[in-house]
């Protein structure tokens, strides 16, 4: 798949696994993202490391698995979410991302930050969330951007006095 995507400049689909594992049969959510490989490098263990950028959300219509284990699907592309301003009560979340994303390395270099877009902010928070259980509780396919921001705020991310200062407000 990687070889074909790179040779033919094709995208591939990324969907979150609902149940199962990355190797073997798995049940996935129905909404995913078409992604494009933008860079690659060989890792120290000999595996190929990929840098990819999501381009378009989709909904799976039908799926099938090839004999070699590659999962394929027929999909319908979803319309781009309209820009919804970040509610004032979540104003700390874009500030958090503004400070944190540049620290996360090359994946976010040259990344257009749409800090005024609640959906974009919610999606970036989901990406960087360390707890996969939180990523799997209603975020995929959830078009209510404000509910995403509320979810992270309920985890203490939006109310922390140290937002914008990783060590906490007033720490030396």
Foldseek 3Di string as FASTA:
>chain_A
DVVCCVVVVAWDWDFAFLADDPPDDTHTAFKTFTKTFDDWDQDPVRDIDTQIDTDFMWGFPDWDADPVGDIDTDIDTDDDQDFDFADPLQLLLLLLCVQVLVVPPDSCVVPDRPSRGLQSSLVVCLVPDPDVVLNNPPPGPDSPSNVSSVSVVVVVPRPFQCRNPVVGPPDD
